Amino acid sequence: MAISKMQAEQVDPRDVQTEVETSIYRVYFADEAGATDEWRLTGATDVRAVLEWGSANAGGRSFQLFVETDGPSGRRLDLLATVH
């Protein structure tokens, strides 16, 4: 993890216009040959539950975890974690 590039600053929580109670996640598995298997998860209680699901279903593959959001330019994926 590149902590040396990380920056932390205090924020005013009132600067947020919208807060989402439940998120939509995507988990993209990849094997050593480069084959991928993509999943969309809804109804998860939190990101830890999605990480647990990914680990339980990885079957020896690595995976990336994204949160899916909609913005003015369309659907967007924000990378949350890469698990090897």
N, C-alpha and C. Protein backbone atom coordinates (compact mmCIF):
# COMPACT_ATOMS: atom_id res chain seq x y z
N MET A 1 0.86 -1.18 0.00
CA MET A 1 0.00 0.00 0.00
C MET A 1 0.90 1.23 0.00
N ALA A 2 0.60 2.20 -0.85
CA ALA A 2 1.41 3.41 -0.98
C ALA A 2 0.92 4.48 -0.01
N ILE A 3 1.15 4.25 1.26
CA ILE A 3 0.69 5.20 2.28
C ILE A 3 1.41 6.53 2.16
N SER A 4 2.65 6.52 1.66
CA SER A 4 3.41 7.76 1.57
C SER A 4 2.75 8.79 0.66
N LYS A 5 1.91 8.35 -0.28
CA LYS A 5 1.20 9.28 -1.17
C LYS A 5 -0.16 9.69 -0.63
N MET A 6 -0.58 9.06 0.45
CA MET A 6 -1.89 9.35 1.00
C MET A 6 -1.89 10.70 1.71
N GLN A 7 -2.97 11.43 1.53
CA GLN A 7 -3.15 12.70 2.22
C GLN A 7 -4.43 12.62 3.04
N ALA A 8 -4.42 13.22 4.21
CA ALA A 8 -5.60 13.24 5.07
C ALA A 8 -5.88 14.68 5.47
N GLU A 9 -7.15 15.05 5.39
CA GLU A 9 -7.55 16.39 5.81
C GLU A 9 -8.94 16.32 6.42
N GLN A 10 -9.18 17.15 7.41
CA GLN A 10 -10.51 17.19 8.01
C GLN A 10 -11.49 17.79 7.01
N VAL A 11 -12.74 17.34 7.10
CA VAL A 11 -13.78 17.82 6.19
C VAL A 11 -15.00 18.28 6.98
N ASP A 12 -15.80 19.07 6.33
CA ASP A 12 -17.09 19.48 6.88
C ASP A 12 -18.13 18.54 6.30
N PRO A 13 -18.79 17.71 7.11
CA PRO A 13 -19.75 16.74 6.58
C PRO A 13 -20.97 17.39 5.92
N ARG A 14 -21.15 18.68 6.10
CA ARG A 14 -22.29 19.36 5.49
C ARG A 14 -22.07 19.66 4.01
N ASP A 15 -20.88 19.37 3.48
CA ASP A 15 -20.61 19.68 2.07
C ASP A 15 -21.13 18.60 1.12
N VAL A 16 -21.80 17.58 1.64
CA VAL A 16 -22.33 16.48 0.84
C VAL A 16 -23.80 16.75 0.52
N GLN A 17 -24.17 16.63 -0.77
CA GLN A 17 -25.55 16.85 -1.17
C GLN A 17 -26.41 15.59 -1.05
N THR A 18 -25.80 14.42 -1.26
CA THR A 18 -26.55 13.17 -1.26
C THR A 18 -25.78 12.10 -0.51
N GLU A 19 -26.50 11.33 0.29
CA GLU A 19 -25.89 10.19 0.97
C GLU A 19 -26.71 8.96 0.64
N VAL A 20 -26.04 7.89 0.24
CA VAL A 20 -26.70 6.66 -0.17
C VAL A 20 -26.61 5.66 0.98
N GLU A 21 -27.75 5.10 1.37
CA GLU A 21 -27.79 4.15 2.49
C GLU A 21 -27.25 2.78 2.09
N THR A 22 -27.61 2.30 0.91
CA THR A 22 -27.12 1.00 0.44
C THR A 22 -26.43 1.20 -0.90
N SER A 23 -25.32 0.55 -1.07
CA SER A 23 -24.53 0.70 -2.29
C SER A 23 -24.68 -0.51 -3.19
N ILE A 24 -24.35 -0.32 -4.44
CA ILE A 24 -24.26 -1.41 -5.41
C ILE A 24 -22.78 -1.66 -5.63
N TYR A 25 -22.39 -2.92 -5.55
CA TYR A 25 -20.98 -3.28 -5.69
C TYR A 25 -20.79 -4.18 -6.90
N ARG A 26 -19.58 -4.19 -7.40
CA ARG A 26 -19.19 -5.14 -8.43
C ARG A 26 -17.92 -5.83 -7.97
N VAL A 27 -17.87 -7.12 -8.22
CA VAL A 27 -16.69 -7.92 -7.93
C VAL A 27 -16.24 -8.55 -9.23
N TYR A 28 -15.00 -8.29 -9.62
CA TYR A 28 -14.42 -8.83 -10.84
C TYR A 28 -13.32 -9.81 -10.46
N PHE A 29 -13.57 -11.10 -10.70
CA PHE A 29 -12.57 -12.13 -10.44
C PHE A 29 -11.69 -12.28 -11.67
N ALA A 30 -10.42 -12.62 -11.47
CA ALA A 30 -9.51 -12.88 -12.58
C ALA A 30 -8.61 -14.05 -12.22
N ASP A 31 -8.47 -15.00 -13.18
CA ASP A 31 -7.56 -16.11 -12.91
C ASP A 31 -6.20 -15.83 -13.55
N GLU A 32 -5.27 -16.75 -13.37
CA GLU A 32 -3.91 -16.55 -13.86
C GLU A 32 -3.83 -16.46 -15.37
N ALA A 33 -4.78 -17.06 -16.08
CA ALA A 33 -4.79 -17.03 -17.54
C ALA A 33 -5.42 -15.74 -18.07
N GLY A 34 -5.98 -14.92 -17.18
CA GLY A 34 -6.59 -13.66 -17.59
C GLY A 34 -8.09 -13.73 -17.81
N ALA A 35 -8.68 -14.92 -17.61
CA ALA A 35 -10.14 -15.03 -17.75
C ALA A 35 -10.80 -14.30 -16.59
N THR A 36 -11.89 -13.59 -16.89
CA THR A 36 -12.58 -12.82 -15.86
C THR A 36 -14.01 -13.31 -15.66
N ASP A 37 -14.53 -13.01 -14.51
CA ASP A 37 -15.89 -13.39 -14.11
C ASP A 37 -16.41 -12.22 -13.30
N GLU A 38 -17.40 -11.49 -13.84
CA GLU A 38 -17.86 -10.25 -13.22
C GLU A 38 -19.23 -10.43 -12.57
N TRP A 39 -19.38 -9.87 -11.37
CA TRP A 39 -20.61 -9.98 -10.61
C TRP A 39 -21.04 -8.61 -10.10
N ARG A 40 -22.38 -8.41 -10.04
CA ARG A 40 -22.98 -7.19 -9.48
C ARG A 40 -23.74 -7.60 -8.22
N LEU A 41 -23.45 -6.96 -7.10
CA LEU A 41 -24.06 -7.32 -5.83
C LEU A 41 -24.91 -6.17 -5.29
N THR A 42 -26.14 -6.48 -4.92
CA THR A 42 -27.03 -5.50 -4.32
C THR A 42 -27.51 -6.05 -2.98
N GLY A 43 -27.94 -5.18 -2.10
CA GLY A 43 -28.50 -5.60 -0.83
C GLY A 43 -27.48 -5.98 0.22
N ALA A 44 -26.20 -5.71 -0.03
CA ALA A 44 -25.17 -6.03 0.96
C ALA A 44 -25.30 -5.09 2.16
N THR A 45 -25.05 -5.62 3.34
CA THR A 45 -25.16 -4.80 4.55
C THR A 45 -24.05 -3.76 4.62
N ASP A 46 -22.86 -4.12 4.15
CA ASP A 46 -21.74 -3.17 4.12
C ASP A 46 -20.61 -3.75 3.27
N VAL A 47 -19.55 -3.00 3.12
CA VAL A 47 -18.44 -3.42 2.25
C VAL A 47 -17.74 -4.65 2.80
N ARG A 48 -17.74 -4.84 4.11
CA ARG A 48 -17.12 -6.04 4.68
C ARG A 48 -17.84 -7.30 4.21
N ALA A 49 -19.16 -7.24 4.11
CA ALA A 49 -19.93 -8.38 3.63
C ALA A 49 -19.57 -8.71 2.19
N VAL A 50 -19.33 -7.70 1.38
CA VAL A 50 -18.96 -7.92 -0.02
C VAL A 50 -17.55 -8.51 -0.10
N LEU A 51 -16.64 -8.03 0.72
CA LEU A 51 -15.29 -8.61 0.75
C LEU A 51 -15.34 -10.07 1.18
N GLU A 52 -16.17 -10.39 2.15
CA GLU A 52 -16.33 -11.78 2.59
C GLU A 52 -16.90 -12.63 1.47
N TRP A 53 -17.90 -12.11 0.75
CA TRP A 53 -18.49 -12.83 -0.37
C TRP A 53 -17.43 -13.07 -1.45
N GLY A 54 -16.66 -12.05 -1.76
CA GLY A 54 -15.61 -12.19 -2.77
C GLY A 54 -14.59 -13.25 -2.37
N SER A 55 -14.16 -13.22 -1.13
CA SER A 55 -13.18 -14.20 -0.65
C SER A 55 -13.76 -15.61 -0.69
N ALA A 56 -15.02 -15.76 -0.31
CA ALA A 56 -15.66 -17.08 -0.30
C ALA A 56 -15.88 -17.63 -1.70
N ASN A 57 -15.98 -16.76 -2.70
CA ASN A 57 -16.26 -17.19 -4.07
C ASN A 57 -15.06 -17.07 -5.01
N ALA A 58 -13.91 -16.68 -4.49
CA ALA A 58 -12.74 -16.46 -5.34
C ALA A 58 -12.19 -17.75 -5.93
N GLY A 59 -12.24 -18.83 -5.21
CA GLY A 59 -11.74 -20.09 -5.74
C GLY A 59 -10.29 -20.00 -6.22
N GLY A 60 -9.46 -19.32 -5.46
CA GLY A 60 -8.05 -19.20 -5.82
C GLY A 60 -7.75 -18.05 -6.77
N ARG A 61 -8.78 -17.33 -7.19
CA ARG A 61 -8.57 -16.20 -8.10
C ARG A 61 -8.40 -14.91 -7.30
N SER A 62 -7.77 -13.93 -7.91
CA SER A 62 -7.74 -12.60 -7.31
C SER A 62 -9.02 -11.88 -7.71
N PHE A 63 -9.34 -10.79 -7.00
CA PHE A 63 -10.51 -10.03 -7.41
C PHE A 63 -10.35 -8.57 -7.07
N GLN A 64 -11.12 -7.77 -7.81
CA GLN A 64 -11.21 -6.34 -7.55
C GLN A 64 -12.63 -6.03 -7.12
N LEU A 65 -12.75 -5.14 -6.14
CA LEU A 65 -14.05 -4.73 -5.61
C LEU A 65 -14.28 -3.27 -5.96
N PHE A 66 -15.42 -2.99 -6.58
CA PHE A 66 -15.79 -1.64 -6.98
C PHE A 66 -17.12 -1.27 -6.34
N VAL A 67 -17.35 0.02 -6.15
CA VAL A 67 -18.68 0.52 -5.83
C VAL A 67 -19.19 1.18 -7.11
N GLU A 68 -20.45 0.93 -7.43
CA GLU A 68 -21.08 1.45 -8.65
C GLU A 68 -21.89 2.69 -8.29
N THR A 69 -21.68 3.76 -9.04
CA THR A 69 -22.44 4.99 -8.83
C THR A 69 -22.91 5.52 -10.18
N ASP A 70 -23.92 6.35 -10.15
CA ASP A 70 -24.40 7.03 -11.35
C ASP A 70 -24.09 8.50 -11.21
N GLY A 71 -23.55 9.07 -12.25
CA GLY A 71 -23.21 10.48 -12.25
C GLY A 71 -23.69 11.14 -13.52
N PRO A 72 -23.36 12.40 -13.70
CA PRO A 72 -23.82 13.14 -14.87
C PRO A 72 -23.35 12.54 -16.19
N SER A 73 -22.21 11.85 -16.16
CA SER A 73 -21.69 11.26 -17.40
C SER A 73 -22.05 9.78 -17.53
N GLY A 74 -22.88 9.26 -16.63
CA GLY A 74 -23.31 7.86 -16.71
C GLY A 74 -22.81 7.04 -15.54
N ARG A 75 -22.87 5.73 -15.71
CA ARG A 75 -22.47 4.80 -14.65
C ARG A 75 -20.95 4.86 -14.46
N ARG A 76 -20.54 4.75 -13.21
CA ARG A 76 -19.12 4.87 -12.86
C ARG A 76 -18.77 3.80 -11.84
N LEU A 77 -17.56 3.27 -11.93
CA LEU A 77 -17.05 2.31 -10.96
C LEU A 77 -15.86 2.92 -10.25
N ASP A 78 -15.90 2.89 -8.92
CA ASP A 78 -14.78 3.36 -8.10
C ASP A 78 -14.14 2.14 -7.44
N LEU A 79 -12.86 1.94 -7.70
CA LEU A 79 -12.14 0.80 -7.13
C LEU A 79 -11.98 0.98 -5.62
N LEU A 80 -12.42 -0.02 -4.86
CA LEU A 80 -12.29 0.00 -3.41
C LEU A 80 -11.15 -0.88 -2.91
N ALA A 81 -10.94 -2.02 -3.58
CA ALA A 81 -9.91 -2.95 -3.10
C ALA A 81 -9.51 -3.91 -4.20
N THR A 82 -8.27 -4.35 -4.13
CA THR A 82 -7.77 -5.45 -4.94
C THR A 82 -7.28 -6.51 -3.97
N VAL A 83 -7.79 -7.73 -4.14
CA VAL A 83 -7.46 -8.82 -3.22
C VAL A 83 -6.79 -9.93 -4.01
N HIS A 84 -5.59 -10.31 -3.57
CA HIS A 84 -4.84 -11.39 -4.24
C HIS A 84 -4.93 -12.66 -3.45
